[in-house]
């Protein structure tokens, strides 16, 4: 790598510095989105397990099952929205 002379580097405008960092910032945000999606997937797995557990006990508390299913649906919808956002912001 060829280093730029210090004087030309410090005279470089802020916009040019931002332009240099734009690809790194985009990659950082994409990875942040991927991490959020993975966290939601883990949460969905836990919620699915909770629903299964609630439906195997006696007596079944249908209100708890309904609430657990609502929570699961919200998390699944959030993941779908997050994936759509990712596809639009970071097309392949």
N, C-alpha and C. Protein backbone atom coordinates (compact mmCIF):
# COMPACT_ATOMS: atom_id res chain seq x y z
N UNK A 1 0.83 -1.17 0.00
CA UNK A 1 0.00 0.00 0.00
C UNK A 1 0.88 1.24 0.00
N UNK A 2 0.54 2.16 -0.86
CA UNK A 2 1.25 3.41 -0.94
C UNK A 2 0.55 4.42 -0.05
N UNK A 3 1.26 4.97 0.94
CA UNK A 3 0.69 5.97 1.83
C UNK A 3 0.70 7.33 1.16
N UNK A 4 -0.36 8.09 1.44
CA UNK A 4 -0.45 9.44 0.90
C UNK A 4 0.37 10.37 1.79
N UNK A 5 0.96 11.39 1.21
CA UNK A 5 1.68 12.36 2.03
C UNK A 5 0.76 12.95 3.10
N UNK A 6 1.31 13.14 4.25
CA UNK A 6 0.53 13.59 5.39
C UNK A 6 -0.18 14.91 5.11
N UNK A 7 0.51 15.84 4.52
CA UNK A 7 -0.09 17.15 4.26
C UNK A 7 -1.32 17.03 3.38
N UNK A 8 -1.25 16.22 2.34
CA UNK A 8 -2.43 16.07 1.46
C UNK A 8 -3.56 15.34 2.19
N UNK A 9 -3.20 14.47 3.11
CA UNK A 9 -4.23 13.75 3.87
C UNK A 9 -4.97 14.68 4.82
N UNK A 10 -4.24 15.55 5.49
CA UNK A 10 -4.92 16.43 6.44
C UNK A 10 -5.65 17.56 5.74
N UNK A 11 -5.29 17.84 4.49
CA UNK A 11 -5.99 18.87 3.73
C UNK A 11 -7.22 18.32 3.02
N UNK A 12 -7.37 17.03 3.03
CA UNK A 12 -8.49 16.37 2.38
C UNK A 12 -9.79 16.82 3.03
N UNK A 13 -10.80 17.07 2.23
CA UNK A 13 -12.07 17.55 2.78
C UNK A 13 -12.78 16.45 3.55
N UNK A 14 -13.69 16.86 4.42
CA UNK A 14 -14.49 15.90 5.19
C UNK A 14 -15.32 15.03 4.27
N UNK A 15 -15.84 15.60 3.19
CA UNK A 15 -16.65 14.82 2.27
C UNK A 15 -15.83 13.69 1.66
N UNK A 16 -14.61 13.97 1.29
CA UNK A 16 -13.76 12.92 0.72
C UNK A 16 -13.49 11.83 1.76
N UNK A 17 -13.27 12.23 3.01
CA UNK A 17 -13.06 11.24 4.07
C UNK A 17 -14.30 10.37 4.26
N UNK A 18 -15.47 11.00 4.20
CA UNK A 18 -16.71 10.25 4.34
C UNK A 18 -16.90 9.30 3.16
N UNK A 19 -16.53 9.75 1.97
CA UNK A 19 -16.64 8.91 0.79
C UNK A 19 -15.75 7.68 0.91
N UNK A 20 -14.57 7.85 1.49
CA UNK A 20 -13.65 6.72 1.67
C UNK A 20 -14.22 5.70 2.64
N UNK A 21 -14.97 6.17 3.63
CA UNK A 21 -15.49 5.28 4.66
C UNK A 21 -16.86 4.71 4.33
N UNK A 22 -17.51 5.18 3.30
CA UNK A 22 -18.87 4.76 2.97
C UNK A 22 -18.99 3.24 2.78
N UNK A 23 -18.10 2.59 2.02
CA UNK A 23 -18.25 1.13 1.87
C UNK A 23 -18.11 0.38 3.20
N UNK A 24 -17.22 0.86 4.06
CA UNK A 24 -17.06 0.21 5.37
C UNK A 24 -18.29 0.41 6.24
N UNK A 25 -18.85 1.60 6.19
CA UNK A 25 -20.05 1.86 6.98
C UNK A 25 -21.23 1.03 6.47
N UNK A 26 -21.34 0.90 5.17
CA UNK A 26 -22.42 0.08 4.60
C UNK A 26 -22.26 -1.37 5.03
N UNK A 27 -21.04 -1.88 5.00
CA UNK A 27 -20.79 -3.26 5.42
C UNK A 27 -21.10 -3.43 6.91
N UNK A 28 -20.74 -2.44 7.71
CA UNK A 28 -21.04 -2.49 9.14
C UNK A 28 -22.54 -2.57 9.39
N UNK A 29 -23.30 -1.77 8.66
CA UNK A 29 -24.76 -1.77 8.83
C UNK A 29 -25.37 -3.08 8.34
N UNK A 30 -24.82 -3.64 7.27
CA UNK A 30 -25.32 -4.92 6.76
C UNK A 30 -25.08 -6.02 7.79
N UNK A 31 -23.91 -6.03 8.40
CA UNK A 31 -23.60 -7.04 9.42
C UNK A 31 -24.47 -6.84 10.66
N UNK A 32 -24.75 -5.59 10.98
CA UNK A 32 -25.62 -5.29 12.12
C UNK A 32 -27.03 -5.83 11.85
N UNK A 33 -27.49 -5.66 10.63
CA UNK A 33 -28.80 -6.19 10.24
C UNK A 33 -28.81 -7.72 10.32
N UNK A 34 -27.75 -8.36 9.86
CA UNK A 34 -27.64 -9.82 9.93
C UNK A 34 -27.66 -10.31 11.37
N UNK A 35 -26.97 -9.60 12.24
CA UNK A 35 -26.96 -9.98 13.66
C UNK A 35 -28.36 -9.86 14.25
N UNK A 36 -29.06 -8.78 13.94
CA UNK A 36 -30.42 -8.59 14.43
C UNK A 36 -31.32 -9.73 13.93
N UNK A 37 -31.15 -10.14 12.69
CA UNK A 37 -31.95 -11.24 12.13
C UNK A 37 -31.66 -12.55 12.86
N UNK A 38 -30.41 -12.80 13.15
CA UNK A 38 -30.03 -14.02 13.88
C UNK A 38 -30.62 -14.01 15.28
N UNK A 39 -30.60 -12.85 15.93
CA UNK A 39 -31.19 -12.74 17.26
C UNK A 39 -32.70 -13.00 17.21
N UNK A 40 -33.37 -12.50 16.17
CA UNK A 40 -34.79 -12.76 16.02
C UNK A 40 -35.07 -14.23 15.76
N UNK A 41 -34.23 -14.87 14.96
CA UNK A 41 -34.39 -16.30 14.70
C UNK A 41 -34.27 -17.11 15.98
N UNK A 42 -33.34 -16.74 16.84
CA UNK A 42 -33.18 -17.43 18.13
C UNK A 42 -34.41 -17.19 19.00
N UNK A 43 -34.92 -15.99 18.98
CA UNK A 43 -36.11 -15.66 19.76
C UNK A 43 -37.33 -16.43 19.24
N UNK A 44 -37.43 -16.59 17.94
CA UNK A 44 -38.52 -17.36 17.33
C UNK A 44 -38.43 -18.82 17.75
N UNK A 45 -37.22 -19.35 17.77
CA UNK A 45 -37.05 -20.74 18.20
C UNK A 45 -37.50 -20.93 19.65
N UNK A 46 -37.16 -19.98 20.51
CA UNK A 46 -37.58 -20.05 21.91
C UNK A 46 -39.10 -19.94 22.03
N UNK A 47 -39.70 -19.04 21.26
CA UNK A 47 -41.15 -18.85 21.30
C UNK A 47 -41.88 -20.10 20.79
N UNK A 48 -41.33 -20.72 19.76
CA UNK A 48 -41.92 -21.95 19.23
C UNK A 48 -41.88 -23.05 20.28
N UNK A 49 -40.76 -23.14 20.96
CA UNK A 49 -40.62 -24.12 22.04
C UNK A 49 -41.60 -23.84 23.18
N UNK A 50 -41.78 -22.57 23.49
CA UNK A 50 -42.72 -22.19 24.56
C UNK A 50 -44.14 -22.58 24.20
N UNK A 51 -44.54 -22.37 22.96
CA UNK A 51 -45.88 -22.76 22.51
C UNK A 51 -46.05 -24.27 22.63
N UNK A 52 -45.05 -25.00 22.17
CA UNK A 52 -45.13 -26.47 22.24
C UNK A 52 -45.27 -26.93 23.69
N UNK A 53 -44.52 -26.31 24.59
CA UNK A 53 -44.57 -26.69 26.00
C UNK A 53 -45.94 -26.37 26.59
N UNK A 54 -46.48 -25.21 26.25
CA UNK A 54 -47.78 -24.81 26.79
C UNK A 54 -48.92 -25.74 26.35
N UNK A 55 -48.76 -26.34 25.20
CA UNK A 55 -49.82 -27.22 24.69
C UNK A 55 -49.68 -28.65 25.16
N UNK A 56 -48.67 -28.94 25.95
CA UNK A 56 -48.49 -30.32 26.43
C UNK A 56 -48.78 -30.45 27.92
N UNK A 57 -49.13 -29.36 28.59
CA UNK A 57 -49.40 -29.45 30.02
C UNK A 57 -50.90 -29.62 30.26
N UNK A 58 -51.22 -30.12 31.43
CA UNK A 58 -52.62 -30.28 31.82
C UNK A 58 -52.85 -29.51 33.10
N UNK A 59 -53.82 -28.73 33.18
CA UNK A 59 -54.76 -28.31 32.14
C UNK A 59 -54.14 -27.24 31.25
N UNK A 60 -54.60 -27.19 30.03
CA UNK A 60 -54.08 -26.20 29.08
C UNK A 60 -54.67 -24.84 29.42
N UNK A 61 -53.81 -23.86 29.55
CA UNK A 61 -54.24 -22.48 29.75
C UNK A 61 -54.28 -21.83 28.36
N UNK A 62 -55.48 -21.77 27.80
CA UNK A 62 -55.63 -21.32 26.42
C UNK A 62 -55.26 -19.85 26.25
N UNK A 63 -55.42 -19.06 27.28
CA UNK A 63 -55.03 -17.65 27.20
C UNK A 63 -53.52 -17.52 27.05
N UNK A 64 -52.78 -18.34 27.80
CA UNK A 64 -51.31 -18.32 27.68
C UNK A 64 -50.87 -18.81 26.30
N UNK A 65 -51.56 -19.84 25.78
CA UNK A 65 -51.23 -20.34 24.44
C UNK A 65 -51.48 -19.25 23.41
N UNK A 66 -52.62 -18.58 23.55
CA UNK A 66 -52.95 -17.50 22.62
C UNK A 66 -51.92 -16.37 22.69
N UNK A 67 -51.53 -15.98 23.88
CA UNK A 67 -50.52 -14.93 24.03
C UNK A 67 -49.17 -15.35 23.45
N UNK A 68 -48.81 -16.60 23.67
CA UNK A 68 -47.54 -17.11 23.14
C UNK A 68 -47.57 -17.13 21.61
N UNK A 69 -48.71 -17.52 21.05
CA UNK A 69 -48.84 -17.52 19.59
C UNK A 69 -48.80 -16.10 19.02
N UNK A 70 -49.40 -15.16 19.74
CA UNK A 70 -49.33 -13.76 19.31
C UNK A 70 -47.88 -13.27 19.31
N UNK A 71 -47.15 -13.57 20.38
CA UNK A 71 -45.74 -13.18 20.45
C UNK A 71 -44.94 -13.80 19.32
N UNK A 72 -45.19 -15.07 19.05
CA UNK A 72 -44.49 -15.76 17.96
C UNK A 72 -44.79 -15.10 16.62
N UNK A 73 -46.05 -14.77 16.38
CA UNK A 73 -46.43 -14.15 15.11
C UNK A 73 -45.77 -12.78 14.95
N UNK A 74 -45.70 -12.02 16.03
CA UNK A 74 -45.05 -10.70 15.97
C UNK A 74 -43.58 -10.84 15.62
N UNK A 75 -42.92 -11.80 16.25
CA UNK A 75 -41.49 -12.01 15.98
C UNK A 75 -41.26 -12.49 14.55
N UNK A 76 -42.13 -13.37 14.06
CA UNK A 76 -41.99 -13.84 12.68
C UNK A 76 -42.22 -12.70 11.69
N UNK A 77 -43.20 -11.84 12.00
CA UNK A 77 -43.45 -10.69 11.13
C UNK A 77 -42.27 -9.73 11.16
N UNK A 78 -41.69 -9.52 12.32
CA UNK A 78 -40.53 -8.65 12.45
C UNK A 78 -39.36 -9.18 11.63
N UNK A 79 -39.15 -10.49 11.67
CA UNK A 79 -38.06 -11.09 10.89
C UNK A 79 -38.31 -10.91 9.40
N UNK A 80 -39.54 -11.13 8.96
CA UNK A 80 -39.87 -10.97 7.54
C UNK A 80 -39.64 -9.52 7.10
N UNK A 81 -40.04 -8.57 7.95
CA UNK A 81 -39.83 -7.16 7.62
C UNK A 81 -38.34 -6.83 7.57
N UNK A 82 -37.59 -7.36 8.52
CA UNK A 82 -36.16 -7.11 8.57
C UNK A 82 -35.47 -7.68 7.32
N UNK A 83 -35.89 -8.86 6.90
CA UNK A 83 -35.32 -9.47 5.69
C UNK A 83 -35.65 -8.63 4.46
N UNK A 84 -36.87 -8.11 4.40
CA UNK A 84 -37.27 -7.26 3.28
C UNK A 84 -36.45 -5.96 3.26
N UNK A 85 -36.24 -5.39 4.43
CA UNK A 85 -35.42 -4.19 4.54
C UNK A 85 -34.00 -4.49 4.05
N UNK A 86 -33.46 -5.63 4.46
CA UNK A 86 -32.12 -6.01 4.04
C UNK A 86 -32.01 -6.19 2.53
N UNK A 87 -33.03 -6.80 1.93
CA UNK A 87 -33.01 -7.01 0.48
C UNK A 87 -33.05 -5.68 -0.27
N UNK A 88 -33.78 -4.72 0.29
CA UNK A 88 -33.90 -3.42 -0.39
C UNK A 88 -32.67 -2.54 -0.18
N UNK A 89 -32.12 -2.57 1.04
CA UNK A 89 -30.98 -1.71 1.32
C UNK A 89 -29.65 -2.28 0.81
N UNK A 90 -29.57 -3.61 0.82
CA UNK A 90 -28.31 -4.26 0.43
C UNK A 90 -28.58 -5.32 -0.65
N UNK A 91 -28.96 -4.88 -1.86
CA UNK A 91 -29.25 -5.85 -2.92
C UNK A 91 -28.00 -6.63 -3.31
N UNK A 92 -28.21 -7.86 -3.71
CA UNK A 92 -27.07 -8.72 -4.09
C UNK A 92 -26.79 -8.64 -5.55
